[in-house]
Amino acid sequence: MAGYLTTHVLDTARGLPAAGLKIELYALSGASRALLAEVVTNADGRSDAPVLPADRFAPGVYELVFHAGDYLRATGQAGEEPLFLDVVPIRFGISDAQAHYHVPLLLSPYGFSTYRGS
């Protein structure tokens, strides 16, 4: 079984999935950064398919970049510019090529948290 990467974004201020939020995935190697995928969350706050599917999944260092500011502006939660949270990068490592890695984001206009989910 090959591994894969998924994510999920929940808007904790509204108690809803964060629909329509743009996410980019980068592979990192030393000082280089390569864009691997770009997705937009669906009505459930998830991407329609794995962000990094099994056929492209490999151990390494990655970064998910959540475009929270655009989402907060679209939902009327942005507040004054500049926003406290605009772009939220989460850098993480994948060590097991056979595992499912799930990196969710819990988001509000003034805070976020993440963890390795299941």
C-alpha atoms as a PDB file:
ATOM      1  CA  MET A   1       0.000   0.000   0.000  1.00  0.00           C
ATOM      2  CA  ALA A   2       1.371   3.396  -0.966  1.00  0.00           C
ATOM      3  CA  GLY A   3       0.900   6.463   1.205  1.00  0.00           C
ATOM      4  CA  TYR A   4      -0.865   9.706   0.382  1.00  0.00           C
ATOM      5  CA  LEU A   5      -1.465  13.186   1.822  1.00  0.00           C
ATOM      6  CA  THR A   6      -4.798  14.802   2.679  1.00  0.00           C
ATOM      7  CA  THR A   7      -5.898  17.957   4.484  1.00  0.00           C
ATOM      8  CA  HIS A   8      -9.063  19.435   5.941  1.00  0.00           C
ATOM      9  CA  VAL A   9      -9.801  23.018   6.994  1.00  0.00           C
ATOM     10  CA  LEU A  10     -12.331  23.884   9.673  1.00  0.00           C
ATOM     11  CA  ASP A  11     -13.418  27.451  10.425  1.00  0.00           C
ATOM     12  CA  THR A  12     -13.525  27.349  14.222  1.00  0.00           C
ATOM     13  CA  ALA A  13     -14.943  30.887  14.498  1.00  0.00           C
ATOM     14  CA  ARG A  14     -18.038  29.932  12.503  1.00  0.00           C
ATOM     15  CA  GLY A  15     -18.141  26.248  13.420  1.00  0.00           C
ATOM     16  CA  LEU A  16     -18.151  25.228   9.760  1.00  0.00           C
ATOM     17  CA  PRO A  17     -15.907  23.608   7.168  1.00  0.00           C
ATOM     18  CA  ALA A  18     -13.830  26.242   5.343  1.00  0.00           C
ATOM     19  CA  ALA A  19     -15.140  25.940   1.783  1.00  0.00           C
ATOM     20  CA  GLY A  20     -13.365  27.694  -1.083  1.00  0.00           C
ATOM     21  CA  LEU A  21      -9.965  28.020   0.608  1.00  0.00           C
ATOM     22  CA  LYS A  22      -6.954  27.800  -1.736  1.00  0.00           C
ATOM     23  CA  ILE A  23      -4.084  25.527  -0.654  1.00  0.00           C
ATOM     24  CA  GLU A  24      -0.697  24.991  -2.306  1.00  0.00           C
ATOM     25  CA  LEU A  25       1.675  22.099  -1.669  1.00  0.00           C
ATOM     26  CA  TYR A  26       5.431  22.531  -2.065  1.00  0.00           C
ATOM     27  CA  ALA A  27       8.284  20.040  -1.872  1.00  0.00           C
ATOM     28  CA  LEU A  28      11.334  21.479  -0.129  1.00  0.00           C
ATOM     29  CA  SER A  29      14.937  20.490  -0.674  1.00  0.00           C
ATOM     30  CA  GLY A  30      17.616  22.698   0.827  1.00  0.00           C
ATOM     31  CA  ALA A  31      16.885  26.206  -0.409  1.00  0.00           C
ATOM     32  CA  SER A  32      14.695  25.047  -3.306  1.00  0.00           C
ATOM     33  CA  ARG A  33      10.908  24.979  -3.229  1.00  0.00           C
ATOM     34  CA  ALA A  34       8.841  23.254  -5.944  1.00  0.00           C
ATOM     35  CA  LEU A  35       5.086  23.653  -6.337  1.00  0.00           C
ATOM     36  CA  LEU A  36       3.512  20.181  -6.539  1.00  0.00           C
ATOM     37  CA  ALA A  37      -0.206  20.893  -6.277  1.00  0.00           C
ATOM     38  CA  GLU A  38      -2.824  23.581  -5.880  1.00  0.00           C
ATOM     39  CA  VAL A  39      -6.323  22.760  -4.626  1.00  0.00           C
ATOM     40  CA  VAL A  40      -9.410  24.562  -3.368  1.00  0.00           C
ATOM     41  CA  THR A  41     -11.440  23.110  -0.528  1.00  0.00           C
ATOM     42  CA  ASN A  42     -14.922  21.795  -1.246  1.00  0.00           C
ATOM     43  CA  ALA A  43     -18.100  22.311   0.824  1.00  0.00           C
ATOM     44  CA  ASP A  44     -16.722  19.891   3.445  1.00  0.00           C
ATOM     45  CA  GLY A  45     -13.451  21.852   3.787  1.00  0.00           C
ATOM     46  CA  ARG A  46     -11.488  19.085   2.029  1.00  0.00           C
ATOM     47  CA  SER A  47      -9.894  18.664  -1.368  1.00  0.00           C
ATOM     48  CA  ASP A  48     -11.791  16.395  -3.758  1.00  0.00           C
ATOM     49  CA  ALA A  49      -8.757  14.106  -4.074  1.00  0.00           C
ATOM     50  CA  PRO A  50      -5.559  13.613  -2.057  1.00  0.00           C
ATOM     51  CA  VAL A  51      -3.308  16.676  -2.211  1.00  0.00           C
ATOM     52  CA  LEU A  52      -0.398  14.305  -2.826  1.00  0.00           C
ATOM     53  CA  PRO A  53      -1.676  11.026  -4.293  1.00  0.00           C
ATOM     54  CA  ALA A  54      -0.007   7.641  -3.925  1.00  0.00           C
ATOM     55  CA  ASP A  55       1.699   7.774  -7.344  1.00  0.00           C
ATOM     56  CA  ARG A  56       3.579  10.982  -6.376  1.00  0.00           C
ATOM     57  CA  PHE A  57       3.992  10.336  -2.647  1.00  0.00           C
ATOM     58  CA  ALA A  58       7.548  10.156  -1.293  1.00  0.00           C
ATOM     59  CA  PRO A  59       9.408  10.822   1.951  1.00  0.00           C
ATOM     60  CA  GLY A  60      10.710  14.363   2.279  1.00  0.00           C
ATOM     61  CA  VAL A  61       9.995  17.817   3.621  1.00  0.00           C
ATOM     62  CA  TYR A  62       6.831  19.548   2.445  1.00  0.00           C
ATOM     63  CA  GLU A  63       4.921  22.747   3.032  1.00  0.00           C
ATOM     64  CA  LEU A  64       1.185  23.290   2.796  1.00  0.00           C
ATOM     65  CA  VAL A  65       0.351  26.963   2.241  1.00  0.00           C
ATOM     66  CA  PHE A  66      -3.188  27.918   3.239  1.00  0.00           C
ATOM     67  CA  HIS A  67      -4.491  31.182   1.754  1.00  0.00           C
ATOM     68  CA  ALA A  68      -6.465  32.050   4.869  1.00  0.00           C
ATOM     69  CA  GLY A  69      -6.708  35.788   4.211  1.00  0.00           C
ATOM     70  CA  ASP A  70      -8.599  35.354   0.951  1.00  0.00           C
ATOM     71  CA  TYR A  71     -11.012  32.985   2.712  1.00  0.00           C
ATOM     72  CA  LEU A  72     -11.459  35.334   5.692  1.00  0.00           C
ATOM     73  CA  ARG A  73     -12.146  38.278   3.370  1.00  0.00           C
ATOM     74  CA  ALA A  74     -14.687  36.234   1.383  1.00  0.00           C
ATOM     75  CA  THR A  75     -16.535  35.212   4.551  1.00  0.00           C
ATOM     76  CA  GLY A  76     -16.581  38.712   6.080  1.00  0.00           C
ATOM     77  CA  GLN A  77     -14.194  37.818   8.920  1.00  0.00           C
ATOM     78  CA  ALA A  78     -11.110  39.670   7.762  1.00  0.00           C
ATOM     79  CA  GLY A  79     -11.127  42.772   9.918  1.00  0.00           C
ATOM     80  CA  GLU A  80      -8.724  45.626   9.231  1.00  0.00           C
ATOM     81  CA  GLU A  81      -5.790  45.397   6.849  1.00  0.00           C
ATOM     82  CA  PRO A  82      -3.182  44.155   7.213  1.00  0.00           C
ATOM     83  CA  LEU A  83      -4.755  40.949   8.423  1.00  0.00           C
ATOM     84  CA  PHE A  84      -3.367  39.221  11.475  1.00  0.00           C
ATOM     85  CA  LEU A  85      -3.416  35.936   9.507  1.00  0.00           C
ATOM     86  CA  ASP A  86      -3.121  36.023   5.741  1.00  0.00           C
ATOM     87  CA  VAL A  87      -1.001  33.150   4.437  1.00  0.00           C
ATOM     88  CA  VAL A  88      -0.513  30.210   6.807  1.00  0.00           C
ATOM     89  CA  PRO A  89       2.425  27.896   5.929  1.00  0.00           C
ATOM     90  CA  ILE A  90       2.755  24.532   7.640  1.00  0.00           C
ATOM     91  CA  ARG A  91       6.078  22.756   7.100  1.00  0.00           C
ATOM     92  CA  PHE A  92       6.206  19.048   7.917  1.00  0.00           C
ATOM     93  CA  GLY A  93       8.129  15.896   7.146  1.00  0.00           C
ATOM     94  CA  ILE A  94       7.006  12.623   5.623  1.00  0.00           C
ATOM     95  CA  SER A  95       9.143   9.681   6.694  1.00  0.00           C
ATOM     96  CA  ASP A  96       6.913   6.657   5.966  1.00  0.00           C
ATOM     97  CA  ALA A  97       6.212   6.151   2.249  1.00  0.00           C
ATOM     98  CA  GLN A  98       3.421   3.687   3.064  1.00  0.00           C
ATOM     99  CA  ALA A  99       1.428   5.835   5.503  1.00  0.00           C
ATOM    100  CA  HIS A 100      -1.539   8.157   5.145  1.00  0.00           C
ATOM    101  CA  TYR A 101      -0.537  11.641   6.306  1.00  0.00           C
ATOM    102  CA  HIS A 102      -3.406  13.983   7.186  1.00  0.00           C
ATOM    103  CA  VAL A 103      -2.552  17.602   8.028  1.00  0.00           C
ATOM    104  CA  PRO A 104      -5.704  19.494   9.075  1.00  0.00           C
ATOM    105  CA  LEU A 105      -5.964  23.194   9.839  1.00  0.00           C
ATOM    106  CA  LEU A 106      -8.283  24.667  12.477  1.00  0.00           C
ATOM    107  CA  LEU A 107      -8.659  28.337  11.537  1.00  0.00           C
ATOM    108  CA  SER A 108     -10.086  31.549  12.959  1.00  0.00           C
ATOM    109  CA  PRO A 109      -9.227  35.173  12.100  1.00  0.00           C
ATOM    110  CA  TYR A 110      -6.755  35.392  15.008  1.00  0.00           C
ATOM    111  CA  GLY A 111      -5.402  31.895  15.440  1.00  0.00           C
ATOM    112  CA  PHE A 112      -4.846  28.467  13.969  1.00  0.00           C
ATOM    113  CA  SER A 113      -3.706  25.023  14.997  1.00  0.00           C
ATOM    114  CA  THR A 114      -2.730  21.835  13.265  1.00  0.00           C
ATOM    115  CA  TYR A 115      -1.779  18.271  14.120  1.00  0.00           C
ATOM    116  CA  ARG A 116      -1.102  14.975  12.404  1.00  0.00           C
ATOM    117  CA  GLY A 117      -4.568  13.558  11.917  1.00  0.00           C
ATOM    118  CA  SER A 118      -5.774  10.181  10.801  1.00  0.00           C
END
